[in-house]
Protein backbone atom coordinates (compact mmCIF):
# COMPACT_ATOMS: atom_id res chain seq x y z
CA UNK A 1 120.99 113.27 81.88
CA UNK A 2 119.66 116.44 84.43
CA UNK A 3 118.45 115.38 87.73
CA UNK A 4 116.82 118.17 88.90
CA UNK A 5 114.83 118.26 92.92
CA UNK A 6 113.07 121.78 93.47
CA UNK A 7 111.78 123.37 97.23
CA UNK A 8 107.38 123.49 96.57
CA UNK A 9 106.93 126.93 96.28
CA UNK A 10 104.47 127.16 98.82
CA UNK A 11 107.94 127.00 100.09
CA UNK A 12 109.22 129.80 98.30
CA UNK A 13 106.51 131.99 98.96
CA UNK A 14 106.70 130.91 102.77
CA UNK A 15 110.50 131.82 103.11
CA UNK A 16 109.08 135.76 101.51
CA UNK A 17 107.27 136.51 104.10
CA UNK A 18 109.84 135.72 106.86
CA UNK A 19 111.97 138.47 108.45
CA UNK A 20 115.45 137.49 107.51
CA UNK A 21 116.79 137.10 110.75
CA UNK A 22 115.79 134.94 113.80
CA UNK A 23 118.05 135.89 117.45
CA UNK A 24 117.13 132.23 118.68
CA UNK A 25 117.28 128.78 119.05
CA UNK A 26 113.93 128.68 119.17
CA UNK A 27 113.14 130.96 117.28
CA UNK A 28 115.09 129.58 114.12
CA UNK A 29 112.78 125.84 115.06
CA UNK A 30 109.51 127.29 115.66
CA UNK A 31 110.51 127.50 112.00
CA UNK A 32 111.74 124.58 111.52
CA UNK A 33 109.09 122.65 112.63
CA UNK A 34 106.03 124.51 111.18
CA UNK A 35 107.84 123.70 107.37
CA UNK A 36 108.33 120.02 108.76
CA UNK A 37 104.19 120.58 109.33
CA UNK A 38 103.22 121.83 106.18
CA UNK A 39 105.35 119.92 103.87
CA UNK A 40 103.31 117.03 105.27
CA UNK A 41 99.99 118.63 105.21
CA UNK A 42 100.33 120.06 101.85
CA UNK A 43 101.55 115.94 100.91
CA UNK A 44 104.36 117.93 99.65
CA UNK A 45 106.35 115.55 101.22
CA UNK A 46 107.47 113.94 104.65
CA UNK A 47 107.17 115.27 107.68
CA UNK A 48 111.22 116.63 107.81
CA UNK A 49 112.13 120.62 107.73
CA UNK A 50 115.59 121.79 107.72
CA UNK A 51 116.99 125.48 107.72
CA UNK A 52 120.87 126.92 107.18
CA UNK A 53 121.36 130.19 109.09
CA UNK A 54 124.06 132.52 109.77
CA UNK A 55 124.47 131.54 113.58
CA UNK A 56 125.45 133.86 115.01
CA UNK A 57 123.25 136.78 113.17
CA UNK A 58 120.59 134.23 112.98
CA UNK A 59 119.80 135.25 109.18
CA UNK A 60 117.62 132.23 107.68
CA UNK A 61 119.43 131.32 104.38
CA UNK A 62 118.41 128.11 103.36
CA UNK A 63 115.14 126.26 104.17
CA UNK A 64 114.22 122.90 102.88
CA UNK A 65 110.95 120.10 103.56
CA UNK A 66 111.35 116.54 102.98
CA UNK A 67 110.95 116.22 98.82
CA UNK A 68 111.85 111.84 99.19
CA UNK A 69 108.64 110.85 97.28
CA UNK A 70 106.96 113.78 95.09
CA UNK A 71 111.04 113.98 93.20
CA UNK A 72 111.22 109.86 92.85
CA UNK A 73 114.95 110.61 94.68
CA UNK A 74 115.16 108.27 98.16
CA UNK A 75 118.09 110.88 99.60
CA UNK A 76 116.38 113.86 98.72
CA UNK A 77 115.94 114.60 102.70
CA UNK A 78 115.07 117.57 104.48
CA UNK A 79 119.09 118.56 105.66
CA UNK A 80 120.45 117.44 101.95
CA UNK A 81 116.96 120.18 100.51
CA UNK A 82 118.59 122.59 102.93
CA UNK A 83 122.23 122.02 102.47
CA UNK A 84 122.09 122.01 98.41
CA UNK A 85 120.01 125.23 98.13
CA UNK A 86 122.23 127.27 100.73
CA UNK A 87 125.15 126.77 98.78
CA UNK A 88 123.40 127.47 95.53
CA UNK A 89 122.18 130.75 97.07
CA UNK A 90 126.63 131.19 98.14
CA UNK A 91 128.11 129.86 95.75
CA UNK A 92 130.12 127.70 96.99
CA UNK A 93 129.79 124.13 98.05
CA UNK A 94 131.75 124.93 101.60
CA UNK A 95 129.47 126.19 103.84
CA UNK A 96 132.20 127.26 106.40
CA UNK A 97 134.79 128.48 103.34
CA UNK A 98 137.11 130.99 104.06
CA UNK A 99 135.65 134.39 104.13
CA UNK A 100 131.98 133.24 105.66
CA UNK A 101 130.11 133.26 108.99
CA UNK A 102 130.23 130.21 110.60
CA UNK A 103 126.78 128.86 109.16
CA UNK A 104 124.28 126.30 111.50
CA UNK A 105 121.82 123.70 110.56
CA UNK A 106 118.77 124.12 112.70
CA UNK A 107 116.72 120.10 111.93
CA UNK A 108 113.77 118.71 113.66
CA UNK A 109 114.40 115.21 113.97
CA UNK A 110 117.86 114.04 114.82
CA UNK A 111 119.86 113.40 111.27
CA UNK A 112 119.27 109.91 110.02
CA UNK A 113 122.58 108.22 108.75
CA UNK A 114 122.08 109.82 104.74
CA UNK A 115 122.39 112.75 106.27
CA UNK A 116 124.77 112.58 109.30
CA UNK A 117 127.29 111.50 106.32
CA UNK A 118 126.43 114.97 104.94
CA UNK A 119 127.31 117.39 107.52
CA UNK A 120 131.00 117.67 108.62
CA UNK A 121 130.96 117.74 104.40
CA UNK A 122 128.46 120.19 103.48
CA UNK A 123 130.91 123.43 105.42
CA UNK A 124 128.40 124.12 108.61
CA UNK A 125 130.22 125.13 112.04
CA UNK A 126 126.63 124.17 114.46
CA UNK A 127 123.79 121.17 114.59
CA UNK A 128 120.65 121.90 116.52
CA UNK A 129 118.02 118.96 116.03
CA UNK A 130 114.30 118.46 118.62
CA UNK A 131 113.35 115.18 118.17
CA UNK A 132 115.75 111.94 118.86
CA UNK A 133 115.92 109.08 116.56
CA UNK A 134 113.97 106.54 118.42
CA UNK A 135 111.37 109.20 118.84
CA UNK A 136 111.05 110.21 114.48
CA UNK A 137 111.40 105.75 113.99
CA UNK A 138 108.25 105.30 116.88
CA UNK A 139 106.37 108.39 116.32
CA UNK A 140 105.82 107.90 112.34
CA UNK A 141 106.67 104.42 111.09
CA UNK A 142 110.00 105.87 109.51
CA UNK A 143 113.77 104.38 109.42
CA UNK A 144 116.53 106.35 109.93
CA UNK A 145 119.02 103.84 110.03
CA UNK A 146 122.42 102.83 110.82
CA UNK A 147 123.23 105.87 112.85
CA UNK A 148 126.66 106.16 114.61
CA UNK A 149 126.15 106.01 118.11
CA UNK A 150 128.51 108.46 119.61
CA UNK A 151 127.11 110.81 116.23
CA UNK A 152 127.47 113.72 118.32
CA UNK A 153 131.18 113.28 119.23
CA UNK A 154 132.19 112.54 115.47
CA UNK A 155 130.38 115.85 114.98
CA UNK A 156 132.31 117.67 117.73
CA UNK A 157 136.00 116.94 116.89
CA UNK A 158 134.87 117.37 113.24
CA UNK A 159 134.78 120.80 115.01
CA UNK A 160 130.94 121.12 114.77
CA UNK A 161 129.50 122.79 117.82
CA UNK A 162 125.93 120.10 117.98
CA UNK A 163 122.54 121.48 120.28
CA UNK A 164 119.80 118.81 120.83
CA UNK A 165 116.83 118.96 122.24
CA UNK A 166 115.12 122.40 121.11
CA UNK A 167 111.40 122.28 121.74
CA UNK A 168 111.53 118.00 121.43
CA UNK A 169 107.72 117.97 122.67
CA UNK A 170 107.06 120.71 120.03
CA UNK A 171 108.15 118.62 117.30
CA UNK A 172 107.60 115.26 118.75
CA UNK A 173 103.73 115.95 118.64
CA UNK A 174 104.10 117.43 114.59
CA UNK A 175 105.61 114.04 113.89
CA UNK A 176 102.88 111.99 115.32
CA UNK A 177 100.43 114.17 113.79
CA UNK A 178 101.95 113.05 111.00
CA UNK A 179 101.90 109.75 112.57
CA UNK A 180 97.65 109.69 112.89
CA UNK A 181 97.74 110.54 108.75
CA UNK A 182 97.85 107.25 107.21
CA UNK A 183 100.45 108.62 104.76
CA UNK A 184 102.64 107.00 103.30
CA UNK A 185 106.45 106.10 105.88
CA UNK A 186 108.67 104.91 102.84
CA UNK A 187 111.38 102.72 103.92
CA UNK A 188 113.95 101.41 101.52
CA UNK A 189 111.53 97.46 99.79
CA UNK A 190 108.55 98.85 102.20
CA UNK A 191 111.45 98.35 105.09
CA UNK A 192 111.52 94.46 104.30
CA UNK A 193 114.97 92.41 104.32
């Protein structure tokens, strides 16, 4: 049996129209927030997106969006989709491998418990976030899981830079917009214990 996860066609089309490089964190986050919004507007998943960039040059390697419901796969979060796509494009499971530039993941919200766990194993050297986990939960109703209370320190002690609050208000505006749509908020057992 094969398990296949796919990026929506509109993502591929949008990326083809973008510049190849995004010099500032704000440039990168603007695109990530835009993709998070388009994902729920197009009804291709939840209101989350993540981009993998070369940290220094700003070259866009991959963009991932949440695909849980369309894929019937609870692990198809935006971060997992972005990391997996970048690893496939670059032909390596280690985005911090020898001979590669440092890679950065840019996310419209603080990583949930699962995605937090995937970051050290991915090889990225930098994490950039917008909305905080409690804001994601309050604005959308998603359960972010038991995130480590010192998640930033845990990444930093593994040599991974963490930058928070980049365009936080803009990300929260889009998350609130999703919250008003009434679209499915999938939590394990629909939020029951």
